[in-house]
N, C-alpha and C. Protein backbone atom coordinates (compact mmCIF):
# COMPACT_ATOMS: atom_id res chain seq x y z
N MET A 1 -10.53 -20.82 -4.76
CA MET A 1 -11.64 -19.90 -4.77
C MET A 1 -11.21 -18.59 -4.12
N ALA A 2 -11.64 -17.50 -4.67
CA ALA A 2 -11.28 -16.17 -4.18
C ALA A 2 -11.93 -15.88 -2.83
N ASN A 3 -11.20 -15.19 -2.02
CA ASN A 3 -11.71 -14.75 -0.72
C ASN A 3 -12.09 -13.28 -0.86
N ILE A 4 -13.33 -13.00 -1.09
CA ILE A 4 -13.80 -11.64 -1.29
C ILE A 4 -14.56 -11.20 -0.04
N GLN A 5 -14.17 -10.04 0.47
CA GLN A 5 -14.80 -9.53 1.67
C GLN A 5 -15.20 -8.07 1.45
N LYS A 6 -16.28 -7.69 2.04
CA LYS A 6 -16.71 -6.30 2.00
C LYS A 6 -16.00 -5.55 3.13
N LEU A 7 -15.37 -4.44 2.78
CA LEU A 7 -14.68 -3.65 3.79
C LEU A 7 -15.62 -2.61 4.38
N PRO A 8 -15.65 -2.50 5.68
CA PRO A 8 -16.47 -1.46 6.32
C PRO A 8 -15.76 -0.11 6.20
N ILE A 9 -15.99 0.58 5.10
CA ILE A 9 -15.30 1.82 4.79
C ILE A 9 -15.45 2.85 5.93
N SER A 10 -16.56 2.83 6.60
CA SER A 10 -16.78 3.80 7.68
C SER A 10 -15.81 3.61 8.85
N ASP A 11 -15.10 2.48 8.88
CA ASP A 11 -14.11 2.24 9.93
C ASP A 11 -12.83 3.06 9.73
N TYR A 12 -12.70 3.67 8.56
CA TYR A 12 -11.45 4.37 8.22
C TYR A 12 -11.68 5.86 8.06
N ARG A 13 -10.66 6.63 8.43
CA ARG A 13 -10.70 8.08 8.28
C ARG A 13 -10.70 8.44 6.79
N LYS A 14 -9.76 7.86 6.05
CA LYS A 14 -9.67 8.05 4.60
C LYS A 14 -9.29 6.74 3.95
N VAL A 15 -9.70 6.56 2.69
CA VAL A 15 -9.33 5.39 1.91
C VAL A 15 -8.53 5.87 0.70
N TRP A 16 -7.32 5.33 0.54
CA TRP A 16 -6.44 5.69 -0.55
C TRP A 16 -6.24 4.47 -1.44
N VAL A 17 -6.21 4.66 -2.75
CA VAL A 17 -5.97 3.57 -3.70
C VAL A 17 -4.87 4.01 -4.66
N THR A 18 -3.90 3.13 -4.84
CA THR A 18 -2.82 3.39 -5.79
C THR A 18 -2.44 2.07 -6.46
N SER A 19 -1.67 2.17 -7.51
CA SER A 19 -1.15 0.97 -8.18
C SER A 19 0.11 1.36 -8.94
N ASP A 20 0.71 0.37 -9.56
CA ASP A 20 1.86 0.57 -10.45
C ASP A 20 3.03 1.30 -9.79
N ILE A 21 3.37 0.89 -8.59
CA ILE A 21 4.53 1.44 -7.90
C ILE A 21 5.83 0.91 -8.52
N HIS A 22 5.79 -0.32 -8.98
CA HIS A 22 6.88 -0.96 -9.73
C HIS A 22 8.23 -0.90 -9.03
N GLY A 23 8.25 -1.04 -7.73
CA GLY A 23 9.51 -1.11 -7.00
C GLY A 23 10.20 0.21 -6.77
N TYR A 24 9.55 1.30 -7.04
CA TYR A 24 10.15 2.61 -6.79
C TYR A 24 9.89 3.01 -5.34
N PHE A 25 10.69 2.44 -4.45
CA PHE A 25 10.49 2.58 -3.01
C PHE A 25 10.52 4.04 -2.56
N ASN A 26 11.45 4.81 -3.09
CA ASN A 26 11.54 6.22 -2.68
C ASN A 26 10.27 6.99 -3.04
N LEU A 27 9.71 6.73 -4.21
CA LEU A 27 8.46 7.39 -4.59
C LEU A 27 7.30 6.92 -3.72
N TYR A 28 7.32 5.64 -3.36
CA TYR A 28 6.29 5.10 -2.46
C TYR A 28 6.34 5.82 -1.11
N LYS A 29 7.55 6.01 -0.57
CA LYS A 29 7.68 6.71 0.71
C LYS A 29 7.24 8.17 0.58
N GLU A 30 7.55 8.80 -0.55
CA GLU A 30 7.09 10.18 -0.78
C GLU A 30 5.57 10.24 -0.82
N LEU A 31 4.96 9.25 -1.46
CA LEU A 31 3.50 9.18 -1.52
C LEU A 31 2.91 9.10 -0.12
N LEU A 32 3.48 8.25 0.72
CA LEU A 32 2.97 8.11 2.09
C LEU A 32 3.07 9.42 2.85
N GLU A 33 4.17 10.13 2.66
CA GLU A 33 4.33 11.42 3.33
C GLU A 33 3.33 12.44 2.78
N LYS A 34 3.15 12.44 1.47
CA LYS A 34 2.25 13.42 0.83
C LYS A 34 0.80 13.23 1.29
N ILE A 35 0.36 12.00 1.39
CA ILE A 35 -1.03 11.76 1.79
C ILE A 35 -1.19 11.74 3.31
N ASP A 36 -0.06 11.77 4.03
CA ASP A 36 -0.09 11.77 5.48
C ASP A 36 -0.89 10.57 6.00
N LEU A 37 -0.51 9.39 5.55
CA LEU A 37 -1.20 8.15 5.93
C LEU A 37 -1.19 7.97 7.43
N GLN A 38 -2.36 7.80 8.00
CA GLN A 38 -2.54 7.64 9.44
C GLN A 38 -2.92 6.19 9.76
N ASP A 39 -2.83 5.82 11.03
CA ASP A 39 -3.16 4.46 11.45
C ASP A 39 -4.61 4.10 11.16
N ASN A 40 -5.49 5.09 11.13
CA ASN A 40 -6.90 4.81 10.89
C ASN A 40 -7.31 5.07 9.43
N ASP A 41 -6.32 5.09 8.53
CA ASP A 41 -6.56 5.17 7.08
C ASP A 41 -6.42 3.78 6.48
N LEU A 42 -6.95 3.62 5.29
CA LEU A 42 -6.81 2.37 4.54
C LEU A 42 -6.09 2.68 3.24
N LEU A 43 -5.00 1.98 2.99
CA LEU A 43 -4.25 2.11 1.74
C LEU A 43 -4.40 0.81 0.97
N ILE A 44 -4.97 0.90 -0.22
CA ILE A 44 -5.15 -0.26 -1.09
C ILE A 44 -4.17 -0.12 -2.24
N ILE A 45 -3.30 -1.10 -2.40
CA ILE A 45 -2.37 -1.12 -3.52
C ILE A 45 -2.88 -2.17 -4.49
N ALA A 46 -3.33 -1.70 -5.64
CA ALA A 46 -4.06 -2.55 -6.58
C ALA A 46 -3.15 -3.22 -7.61
N GLY A 47 -1.96 -3.59 -7.19
CA GLY A 47 -1.09 -4.37 -8.06
C GLY A 47 0.19 -3.67 -8.48
N ASP A 48 1.10 -4.49 -8.99
CA ASP A 48 2.38 -4.03 -9.54
C ASP A 48 3.17 -3.19 -8.54
N SER A 49 3.34 -3.70 -7.34
CA SER A 49 4.08 -2.94 -6.33
C SER A 49 5.58 -3.20 -6.38
N CYS A 50 6.00 -4.32 -6.93
CA CYS A 50 7.43 -4.65 -6.80
C CYS A 50 8.03 -5.31 -8.04
N ASP A 51 7.82 -4.75 -9.18
CA ASP A 51 8.55 -5.25 -10.34
C ASP A 51 9.12 -4.07 -11.13
N ARG A 52 10.16 -4.32 -11.87
CA ARG A 52 10.81 -3.35 -12.76
C ARG A 52 11.71 -2.35 -12.06
N GLY A 53 11.33 -1.84 -10.94
CA GLY A 53 12.09 -0.77 -10.31
C GLY A 53 13.37 -1.25 -9.65
N VAL A 54 14.23 -0.32 -9.36
CA VAL A 54 15.52 -0.60 -8.75
C VAL A 54 15.36 -1.20 -7.36
N TYR A 55 14.33 -0.79 -6.64
CA TYR A 55 14.17 -1.20 -5.24
C TYR A 55 13.04 -2.21 -5.04
N SER A 56 12.86 -3.11 -5.98
CA SER A 56 11.80 -4.12 -5.84
C SER A 56 11.98 -4.95 -4.59
N ALA A 57 13.21 -5.36 -4.29
CA ALA A 57 13.47 -6.16 -3.09
C ALA A 57 13.14 -5.37 -1.82
N LYS A 58 13.43 -4.08 -1.84
CA LYS A 58 13.12 -3.23 -0.68
C LYS A 58 11.62 -3.11 -0.48
N MET A 59 10.87 -3.08 -1.58
CA MET A 59 9.41 -3.04 -1.46
C MET A 59 8.90 -4.29 -0.76
N LEU A 60 9.56 -5.43 -1.00
CA LEU A 60 9.15 -6.68 -0.35
C LEU A 60 9.53 -6.71 1.12
N SER A 61 10.69 -6.16 1.46
CA SER A 61 11.16 -6.26 2.84
C SER A 61 10.71 -5.09 3.72
N ASN A 62 10.53 -3.90 3.14
CA ASN A 62 10.19 -2.72 3.94
C ASN A 62 8.95 -1.99 3.46
N GLY A 63 8.37 -2.44 2.39
CA GLY A 63 7.25 -1.74 1.79
C GLY A 63 5.91 -2.30 2.20
N PRO A 64 4.92 -2.11 1.37
CA PRO A 64 3.56 -2.49 1.72
C PRO A 64 3.37 -3.99 1.92
N LEU A 65 4.15 -4.79 1.23
CA LEU A 65 3.98 -6.22 1.36
C LEU A 65 4.53 -6.74 2.69
N ALA A 66 5.37 -5.96 3.34
CA ALA A 66 5.92 -6.33 4.65
C ALA A 66 5.12 -5.72 5.80
N ALA A 67 4.13 -4.92 5.47
CA ALA A 67 3.36 -4.20 6.50
C ALA A 67 2.60 -5.18 7.38
N LYS A 68 2.64 -4.91 8.65
CA LYS A 68 1.89 -5.73 9.61
C LYS A 68 0.49 -5.18 9.80
N SER A 69 0.27 -3.98 9.34
CA SER A 69 -1.01 -3.32 9.55
C SER A 69 -2.08 -3.88 8.61
N PRO A 70 -3.27 -4.16 9.13
CA PRO A 70 -4.35 -4.61 8.26
C PRO A 70 -4.88 -3.49 7.39
N ALA A 71 -4.40 -2.27 7.62
CA ALA A 71 -4.88 -1.13 6.85
C ALA A 71 -4.12 -0.94 5.54
N VAL A 72 -3.22 -1.86 5.22
CA VAL A 72 -2.52 -1.84 3.94
C VAL A 72 -2.87 -3.13 3.23
N LEU A 73 -3.57 -2.99 2.12
CA LEU A 73 -3.99 -4.16 1.34
C LEU A 73 -3.33 -4.16 -0.01
């Protein structure tokens, strides 16, 4: 059964949503710099973060899936 929770959006400074990163770690890092992601922001990655691209393994070890922060979903 799915675990669906309502997020208290007011807890965050900004909410960012992206998808289809496809293992392009360098572009992912550029995105983070461009949006100036802060500790009190929420980044939602809506799928396809680590397939096809050259750096799929890096996305798993150093990217959003390895993040300890609850602000990266």
